[in-house]
Amino acid sequence: MPPQVFDPVADAALAFATARDGGVAIFKADVGYAIIGHTEEAIARIYRAKDRSFSKPCGCFADWRLFCEAIVTSQTAHDFVSAVIHDEGLPLSIVGTFRPEHPLIANAAPYVRRNATKSGTIDLLLNAGPTHDEIARLAVENGIGIFGSSANRSLSGSKFVFEAIEPEVREAVDLALDRGPCRYSNEFGLGSTIIDLASFEPIRIGICFEEICAVARNRFDIDIPNQVKT
């Protein structure tokens, strides 16, 4: 029997609608299964299901348009992000200073905004596969921020197959899309690489880290340290 084929755009529409309407959804991104929500109740459910510390902000599922509109950064950092996600086609998470007046941030519930930002910065996941990218497009188009994290218990590592997601997490959601193995995986459960755009230091050394470092070094003469920012 041939493998079942799923439409990532249709999956994105389902996941986005679930989050928009106050629910919690799990979907497959290239960098691991993700869990998302939009409302205060949904984000609180995500934190409870993951047993996640509130000292760790959740991320925002984003596209290039949102990055350009919401993040305040240098031209070098702007061009670096473009080179990574457009020229090299790599997934990337960034932490950067955000514009508080941007609708996706300003219109988020105070509880959500408090748990999705830290010291004037926000984490954006970019170019993480067709379902992620369509969810991000719908978020910007509809003015509704989509926030969340990797679909796993906190500190247990990203999950690259649906079956590896803990029952406590799977059972806490309204929509769970099992779509087979993710594009990227590793034995350490490391998700997307996260780069601080102010310092070019890694907050997480994860998927495609060496390739991202090569872009920084070869295109911008920037040496990203092989050590996580503390």
C-alpha atoms as a PDB file:
ATOM      1  CA  MET A   1       0.000   0.000   0.000  1.00  0.00           C
ATOM      2  CA  PRO A   2       1.472   3.416  -0.953  1.00  0.00           C
ATOM      3  CA  PRO A   3       2.056   5.869   1.900  1.00  0.00           C
ATOM      4  CA  GLN A   4      -0.779   8.278   2.596  1.00  0.00           C
ATOM      5  CA  VAL A   5      -0.150  11.750   1.200  1.00  0.00           C
ATOM      6  CA  PHE A   6      -1.188  14.782   3.243  1.00  0.00           C
ATOM      7  CA  ASP A   7      -1.606  18.384   2.131  1.00  0.00           C
ATOM      8  CA  PRO A   8       0.607  20.624   4.298  1.00  0.00           C
ATOM      9  CA  VAL A   9      -1.418  23.714   3.373  1.00  0.00           C
ATOM     10  CA  ALA A  10      -4.657  22.013   4.450  1.00  0.00           C
ATOM     11  CA  ASP A  11      -2.923  20.914   7.661  1.00  0.00           C
ATOM     12  CA  ALA A  12      -1.884  24.519   8.270  1.00  0.00           C
ATOM     13  CA  ALA A  13      -5.440  25.740   7.804  1.00  0.00           C
ATOM     14  CA  LEU A  14      -6.686  23.197  10.351  1.00  0.00           C
ATOM     15  CA  ALA A  15      -3.971  24.015  12.891  1.00  0.00           C
ATOM     16  CA  PHE A  16      -4.386  27.766  12.458  1.00  0.00           C
ATOM     17  CA  ALA A  17      -8.176  27.588  12.812  1.00  0.00           C
ATOM     18  CA  THR A  18      -7.808  25.499  15.956  1.00  0.00           C
ATOM     19  CA  ALA A  19      -5.442  28.056  17.517  1.00  0.00           C
ATOM     20  CA  ARG A  20      -7.486  31.032  16.303  1.00  0.00           C
ATOM     21  CA  ASP A  21     -10.600  29.618  17.937  1.00  0.00           C
ATOM     22  CA  GLY A  22      -8.909  29.147  21.299  1.00  0.00           C
ATOM     23  CA  GLY A  23      -7.647  25.591  20.969  1.00  0.00           C
ATOM     24  CA  VAL A  24      -4.239  23.929  21.025  1.00  0.00           C
ATOM     25  CA  ALA A  25      -2.791  22.033  18.043  1.00  0.00           C
ATOM     26  CA  ILE A  26       0.182  19.792  17.302  1.00  0.00           C
ATOM     27  CA  PHE A  27       1.632  19.743  13.781  1.00  0.00           C
ATOM     28  CA  LYS A  28       4.793  18.617  12.036  1.00  0.00           C
ATOM     29  CA  ALA A  29       7.455  21.245  11.342  1.00  0.00           C
ATOM     30  CA  ASP A  30      10.742  20.453   9.615  1.00  0.00           C
ATOM     31  CA  VAL A  31      12.589  20.891  12.928  1.00  0.00           C
ATOM     32  CA  GLY A  32      10.295  18.744  15.083  1.00  0.00           C
ATOM     33  CA  TYR A  33       6.672  18.421  16.071  1.00  0.00           C
ATOM     34  CA  ALA A  34       5.316  21.716  17.426  1.00  0.00           C
ATOM     35  CA  ILE A  35       2.491  22.702  19.762  1.00  0.00           C
ATOM     36  CA  ILE A  36       0.702  26.016  19.229  1.00  0.00           C
ATOM     37  CA  GLY A  37      -2.012  28.279  20.580  1.00  0.00           C
ATOM     38  CA  HIS A  38      -3.159  31.884  20.539  1.00  0.00           C
ATOM     39  CA  THR A  39      -5.252  32.666  23.611  1.00  0.00           C
ATOM     40  CA  GLU A  40      -4.321  32.949  27.269  1.00  0.00           C
ATOM     41  CA  GLU A  41      -6.029  29.652  28.078  1.00  0.00           C
ATOM     42  CA  ALA A  42      -4.282  27.864  25.203  1.00  0.00           C
ATOM     43  CA  ILE A  43      -0.823  29.085  26.168  1.00  0.00           C
ATOM     44  CA  ALA A  44      -1.465  28.146  29.800  1.00  0.00           C
ATOM     45  CA  ARG A  45      -2.481  24.648  28.647  1.00  0.00           C
ATOM     46  CA  ILE A  46       0.745  24.345  26.665  1.00  0.00           C
ATOM     47  CA  TYR A  47       2.856  25.296  29.682  1.00  0.00           C
ATOM     48  CA  ARG A  48       0.978  22.815  31.876  1.00  0.00           C
ATOM     49  CA  ALA A  49       1.178  19.971  29.365  1.00  0.00           C
ATOM     50  CA  LYS A  50       4.906  20.501  28.887  1.00  0.00           C
ATOM     51  CA  ASP A  51       5.577  21.205  32.571  1.00  0.00           C
ATOM     52  CA  ARG A  52       7.514  24.170  31.232  1.00  0.00           C
ATOM     53  CA  SER A  53       9.069  26.799  33.464  1.00  0.00           C
ATOM     54  CA  PHE A  54       7.589  30.270  33.036  1.00  0.00           C
ATOM     55  CA  SER A  55      11.159  31.560  32.990  1.00  0.00           C
ATOM     56  CA  LYS A  56      11.355  30.181  29.428  1.00  0.00           C
ATOM     57  CA  PRO A  57       9.316  32.224  26.931  1.00  0.00           C
ATOM     58  CA  CYS A  58       7.446  30.428  24.195  1.00  0.00           C
ATOM     59  CA  GLY A  59       8.224  31.214  20.572  1.00  0.00           C
ATOM     60  CA  CYS A  60       6.312  32.906  17.769  1.00  0.00           C
ATOM     61  CA  PHE A  61       5.697  31.079  14.478  1.00  0.00           C
ATOM     62  CA  ALA A  62       6.755  33.599  11.866  1.00  0.00           C
ATOM     63  CA  ASP A  63       7.541  34.361   8.248  1.00  0.00           C
ATOM     64  CA  TRP A  64       9.792  36.852   6.478  1.00  0.00           C
ATOM     65  CA  ARG A  65       7.097  39.527   6.425  1.00  0.00           C
ATOM     66  CA  LEU A  66       6.606  39.356  10.182  1.00  0.00           C
ATOM     67  CA  PHE A  67      10.355  39.392  10.733  1.00  0.00           C
ATOM     68  CA  CYS A  68      10.723  42.536   8.619  1.00  0.00           C
ATOM     69  CA  GLU A  69       7.756  44.286  10.215  1.00  0.00           C
ATOM     70  CA  ALA A  70       8.234  43.343  13.849  1.00  0.00           C
ATOM     71  CA  ILE A  71      11.981  43.015  14.478  1.00  0.00           C
ATOM     72  CA  VAL A  72      14.339  45.960  14.969  1.00  0.00           C
ATOM     73  CA  THR A  73      17.861  44.961  14.009  1.00  0.00           C
ATOM     74  CA  SER A  74      20.937  45.949  12.031  1.00  0.00           C
ATOM     75  CA  GLN A  75      21.137  45.706   8.260  1.00  0.00           C
ATOM     76  CA  THR A  76      23.808  43.049   8.637  1.00  0.00           C
ATOM     77  CA  ALA A  77      21.549  40.915  10.825  1.00  0.00           C
ATOM     78  CA  HIS A  78      18.637  41.470   8.442  1.00  0.00           C
ATOM     79  CA  ASP A  79      20.735  40.337   5.473  1.00  0.00           C
ATOM     80  CA  PHE A  80      22.105  37.377   7.439  1.00  0.00           C
ATOM     81  CA  VAL A  81      18.611  36.078   8.185  1.00  0.00           C
ATOM     82  CA  SER A  82      17.634  36.482   4.541  1.00  0.00           C
ATOM     83  CA  ALA A  83      20.728  34.618   3.388  1.00  0.00           C
ATOM     84  CA  VAL A  84      20.050  31.724   5.763  1.00  0.00           C
ATOM     85  CA  ILE A  85      16.361  31.239   5.035  1.00  0.00           C
ATOM     86  CA  HIS A  86      16.146  32.395   1.401  1.00  0.00           C
ATOM     87  CA  ASP A  87      19.515  31.719  -0.224  1.00  0.00           C
ATOM     88  CA  GLU A  88      20.367  28.556   1.709  1.00  0.00           C
ATOM     89  CA  GLY A  89      16.833  27.413   2.506  1.00  0.00           C
ATOM     90  CA  LEU A  90      17.685  26.593   6.120  1.00  0.00           C
ATOM     91  CA  PRO A  91      15.406  26.768   9.158  1.00  0.00           C
ATOM     92  CA  LEU A  92      16.345  29.356  11.761  1.00  0.00           C
ATOM     93  CA  SER A  93      15.075  30.745  15.043  1.00  0.00           C
ATOM     94  CA  ILE A  94      16.127  34.256  15.984  1.00  0.00           C
ATOM     95  CA  VAL A  95      15.842  36.323  19.120  1.00  0.00           C
ATOM     96  CA  GLY A  96      15.561  40.012  18.397  1.00  0.00           C
ATOM     97  CA  THR A  97      14.179  43.296  19.691  1.00  0.00           C
ATOM     98  CA  PHE A  98      10.540  43.674  18.679  1.00  0.00           C
ATOM     99  CA  ARG A  99       8.294  46.629  17.893  1.00  0.00           C
ATOM    100  CA  PRO A 100       5.681  46.571  20.685  1.00  0.00           C
ATOM    101  CA  GLU A 101       3.163  48.340  18.458  1.00  0.00           C
ATOM    102  CA  HIS A 102       3.123  45.542  15.895  1.00  0.00           C
ATOM    103  CA  PRO A 103      -0.463  44.167  15.833  1.00  0.00           C
ATOM    104  CA  LEU A 104       0.492  40.503  16.343  1.00  0.00           C
ATOM    105  CA  ILE A 105       2.263  41.450  19.559  1.00  0.00           C
ATOM    106  CA  ALA A 106       0.156  44.404  20.702  1.00  0.00           C
ATOM    107  CA  ASN A 107      -3.121  42.509  20.231  1.00  0.00           C
ATOM    108  CA  ALA A 108      -1.985  39.401  22.110  1.00  0.00           C
ATOM    109  CA  ALA A 109      -3.509  38.912  25.549  1.00  0.00           C
ATOM    110  CA  PRO A 110      -1.261  40.339  28.297  1.00  0.00           C
ATOM    111  CA  TYR A 111      -0.597  36.826  29.677  1.00  0.00           C
ATOM    112  CA  VAL A 112       0.429  35.623  26.220  1.00  0.00           C
ATOM    113  CA  ARG A 113       2.603  38.643  25.538  1.00  0.00           C
ATOM    114  CA  ARG A 114       4.292  38.264  28.924  1.00  0.00           C
ATOM    115  CA  ASN A 115       5.119  34.617  28.240  1.00  0.00           C
ATOM    116  CA  ALA A 116       6.165  35.117  24.607  1.00  0.00           C
ATOM    117  CA  THR A 117       8.618  37.983  25.171  1.00  0.00           C
ATOM    118  CA  LYS A 118      11.546  38.692  27.431  1.00  0.00           C
ATOM    119  CA  SER A 119      13.330  41.979  28.102  1.00  0.00           C
ATOM    120  CA  GLY A 120      11.979  43.534  24.919  1.00  0.00           C
ATOM    121  CA  THR A 121      12.905  40.571  22.704  1.00  0.00           C
ATOM    122  CA  ILE A 122      10.954  37.791  21.026  1.00  0.00           C
ATOM    123  CA  ASP A 123      11.874  34.421  19.511  1.00  0.00           C
ATOM    124  CA  LEU A 124      10.708  33.919  15.910  1.00  0.00           C
ATOM    125  CA  LEU A 125      10.871  30.559  14.132  1.00  0.00           C
ATOM    126  CA  LEU A 126      11.414  30.979  10.378  1.00  0.00           C
ATOM    127  CA  ASN A 127      11.394  28.690   7.340  1.00  0.00           C
ATOM    128  CA  ALA A 128      10.455  25.537   9.238  1.00  0.00           C
ATOM    129  CA  GLY A 129       8.581  23.709   6.506  1.00  0.00           C
ATOM    130  CA  PRO A 130       5.413  24.119   4.436  1.00  0.00           C
ATOM    131  CA  THR A 131       2.885  23.677   7.245  1.00  0.00           C
ATOM    132  CA  HIS A 132       4.761  26.044   9.552  1.00  0.00           C
ATOM    133  CA  ASP A 133       5.223  28.610   6.811  1.00  0.00           C
ATOM    134  CA  GLU A 134       1.536  28.584   5.877  1.00  0.00           C
ATOM    135  CA  ILE A 135       0.496  28.922   9.528  1.00  0.00           C
ATOM    136  CA  ALA A 136       2.838  31.910   9.792  1.00  0.00           C
ATOM    137  CA  ARG A 137       1.378  33.443   6.616  1.00  0.00           C
ATOM    138  CA  LEU A 138      -2.169  33.014   7.919  1.00  0.00           C
ATOM    139  CA  ALA A 139      -1.144  34.560  11.235  1.00  0.00           C
ATOM    140  CA  VAL A 140       0.112  37.733   9.552  1.00  0.00           C
ATOM    141  CA  GLU A 141      -2.783  37.854   7.100  1.00  0.00           C
ATOM    142  CA  ASN A 142      -5.327  37.611   9.913  1.00  0.00           C
ATOM    143  CA  GLY A 143      -3.442  39.662  12.501  1.00  0.00           C
ATOM    144  CA  ILE A 144      -3.414  36.780  14.973  1.00  0.00           C
ATOM    145  CA  GLY A 145      -0.159  35.775  16.640  1.00  0.00           C
ATOM    146  CA  ILE A 146       0.544  32.051  16.862  1.00  0.00           C
ATOM    147  CA  PHE A 147       2.757  31.069  19.785  1.00  0.00           C
ATOM    148  CA  GLY A 148       4.068  27.829  21.192  1.00  0.00           C
ATOM    149  CA  SER A 149       6.988  25.481  21.476  1.00  0.00           C
ATOM    150  CA  SER A 150       8.225  22.031  20.627  1.00  0.00           C
ATOM    151  CA  ALA A 151       5.653  19.305  21.324  1.00  0.00           C
ATOM    152  CA  ASN A 152       7.347  17.515  24.212  1.00  0.00           C
ATOM    153  CA  ARG A 153       7.679  17.534  27.957  1.00  0.00           C
ATOM    154  CA  SER A 154      10.106  20.232  29.005  1.00  0.00           C
ATOM    155  CA  LEU A 155      13.796  19.255  28.874  1.00  0.00           C
ATOM    156  CA  SER A 156      13.024  15.925  27.167  1.00  0.00           C
ATOM    157  CA  GLY A 157      14.122  17.084  23.705  1.00  0.00           C
ATOM    158  CA  SER A 158      12.294  17.753  20.456  1.00  0.00           C
ATOM    159  CA  LYS A 159      10.310  14.901  18.950  1.00  0.00           C
ATOM    160  CA  PHE A 160      10.863  14.044  15.306  1.00  0.00           C
ATOM    161  CA  VAL A 161       8.162  11.361  15.030  1.00  0.00           C
ATOM    162  CA  PHE A 162       4.644  11.715  16.378  1.00  0.00           C
ATOM    163  CA  GLU A 163       4.807   8.523  18.433  1.00  0.00           C
ATOM    164  CA  ALA A 164       7.637   9.960  20.538  1.00  0.00           C
ATOM    165  CA  ILE A 165       5.476  12.803  21.869  1.00  0.00           C
ATOM    166  CA  GLU A 166       4.565  12.062  25.471  1.00  0.00           C
ATOM    167  CA  PRO A 167       0.918  11.161  26.190  1.00  0.00           C
ATOM    168  CA  GLU A 168       0.576  14.109  28.585  1.00  0.00           C
ATOM    169  CA  VAL A 169       1.280  16.436  25.670  1.00  0.00           C
ATOM    170  CA  ARG A 170      -0.750  14.605  23.021  1.00  0.00           C
ATOM    171  CA  GLU A 171      -3.792  14.375  25.273  1.00  0.00           C
ATOM    172  CA  ALA A 172      -3.740  18.088  26.140  1.00  0.00           C
ATOM    173  CA  VAL A 173      -4.523  19.297  22.622  1.00  0.00           C
ATOM    174  CA  ASP A 174      -7.624  19.712  20.478  1.00  0.00           C
ATOM    175  CA  LEU A 175      -5.927  18.752  17.209  1.00  0.00           C
ATOM    176  CA  ALA A 176      -2.964  16.396  16.775  1.00  0.00           C
ATOM    177  CA  LEU A 177      -1.688  15.785  13.243  1.00  0.00           C
ATOM    178  CA  ASP A 178       0.494  12.691  12.878  1.00  0.00           C
ATOM    179  CA  ARG A 179       2.379  13.280   9.657  1.00  0.00           C
ATOM    180  CA  GLY A 180       5.320  10.921   9.912  1.00  0.00           C
ATOM    181  CA  PRO A 181       8.984  11.775  10.448  1.00  0.00           C
ATOM    182  CA  CYS A 182      10.256  15.345  10.336  1.00  0.00           C
ATOM    183  CA  ARG A 183      12.689  16.513   7.679  1.00  0.00           C
ATOM    184  CA  TYR A 184      15.482  17.021  10.218  1.00  0.00           C
ATOM    185  CA  SER A 185      16.292  14.936  13.271  1.00  0.00           C
ATOM    186  CA  ASN A 186      19.141  14.165  15.627  1.00  0.00           C
ATOM    187  CA  GLU A 187      19.801  11.812  18.498  1.00  0.00           C
ATOM    188  CA  PHE A 188      20.072  14.661  20.993  1.00  0.00           C
ATOM    189  CA  GLY A 189      16.530  16.020  20.549  1.00  0.00           C
ATOM    190  CA  LEU A 190      17.836  19.418  19.477  1.00  0.00           C
ATOM    191  CA  GLY A 191      15.369  21.620  17.629  1.00  0.00           C
ATOM    192  CA  SER A 192      16.067  24.691  15.524  1.00  0.00           C
ATOM    193  CA  THR A 193      19.250  26.671  16.013  1.00  0.00           C
ATOM    194  CA  ILE A 194      18.490  29.940  17.849  1.00  0.00           C
ATOM    195  CA  ILE A 195      20.691  32.983  17.188  1.00  0.00           C
ATOM    196  CA  ASP A 196      20.658  36.230  19.177  1.00  0.00           C
ATOM    197  CA  LEU A 197      20.695  38.888  16.463  1.00  0.00           C
ATOM    198  CA  ALA A 198      22.188  41.530  18.762  1.00  0.00           C
ATOM    199  CA  SER A 199      25.344  39.548  19.501  1.00  0.00           C
ATOM    200  CA  PHE A 200      25.346  36.693  16.951  1.00  0.00           C
ATOM    201  CA  GLU A 201      25.704  34.273  19.828  1.00  0.00           C
ATOM    202  CA  PRO A 202      23.785  30.997  19.803  1.00  0.00           C
ATOM    203  CA  ILE A 203      21.038  30.592  22.375  1.00  0.00           C
ATOM    204  CA  ARG A 204      20.633  27.001  21.196  1.00  0.00           C
ATOM    205  CA  ILE A 205      23.035  25.014  19.026  1.00  0.00           C
ATOM    206  CA  GLY A 206      20.616  22.904  17.048  1.00  0.00           C
ATOM    207  CA  ILE A 207      19.588  21.866  13.552  1.00  0.00           C
ATOM    208  CA  CYS A 208      21.821  23.111  10.705  1.00  0.00           C
ATOM    209  CA  PHE A 209      24.092  24.965  13.126  1.00  0.00           C
ATOM    210  CA  GLU A 210      27.267  24.363  11.106  1.00  0.00           C
ATOM    211  CA  GLU A 211      25.584  25.450   7.870  1.00  0.00           C
ATOM    212  CA  ILE A 212      24.251  28.604   9.548  1.00  0.00           C
ATOM    213  CA  CYS A 213      27.711  29.375  10.930  1.00  0.00           C
ATOM    214  CA  ALA A 214      29.156  28.956   7.436  1.00  0.00           C
ATOM    215  CA  VAL A 215      26.719  31.542   6.058  1.00  0.00           C
ATOM    216  CA  ALA A 216      27.698  33.996   8.785  1.00  0.00           C
ATOM    217  CA  ARG A 217      31.414  33.391   8.279  1.00  0.00           C
ATOM    218  CA  ASN A 218      31.572  33.232   4.485  1.00  0.00           C
ATOM    219  CA  ARG A 219      29.022  35.911   3.632  1.00  0.00           C
ATOM    220  CA  PHE A 220      29.348  38.368   6.529  1.00  0.00           C
ATOM    221  CA  ASP A 221      32.729  37.674   8.138  1.00  0.00           C
ATOM    222  CA  ILE A 222      30.975  36.860  11.424  1.00  0.00           C
ATOM    223  CA  ASP A 223      32.179  34.029  13.634  1.00  0.00           C
ATOM    224  CA  ILE A 224      29.299  32.571  15.611  1.00  0.00           C
ATOM    225  CA  PRO A 225      30.746  31.013  18.786  1.00  0.00           C
ATOM    226  CA  ASN A 226      30.444  27.284  19.254  1.00  0.00           C
ATOM    227  CA  GLN A 227      29.162  27.888  22.765  1.00  0.00           C
ATOM    228  CA  VAL A 228      25.662  28.707  23.969  1.00  0.00           C
ATOM    229  CA  LYS A 229      25.044  32.227  25.247  1.00  0.00           C
ATOM    230  CA  THR A 230      24.577  32.276  29.021  1.00  0.00           C
END
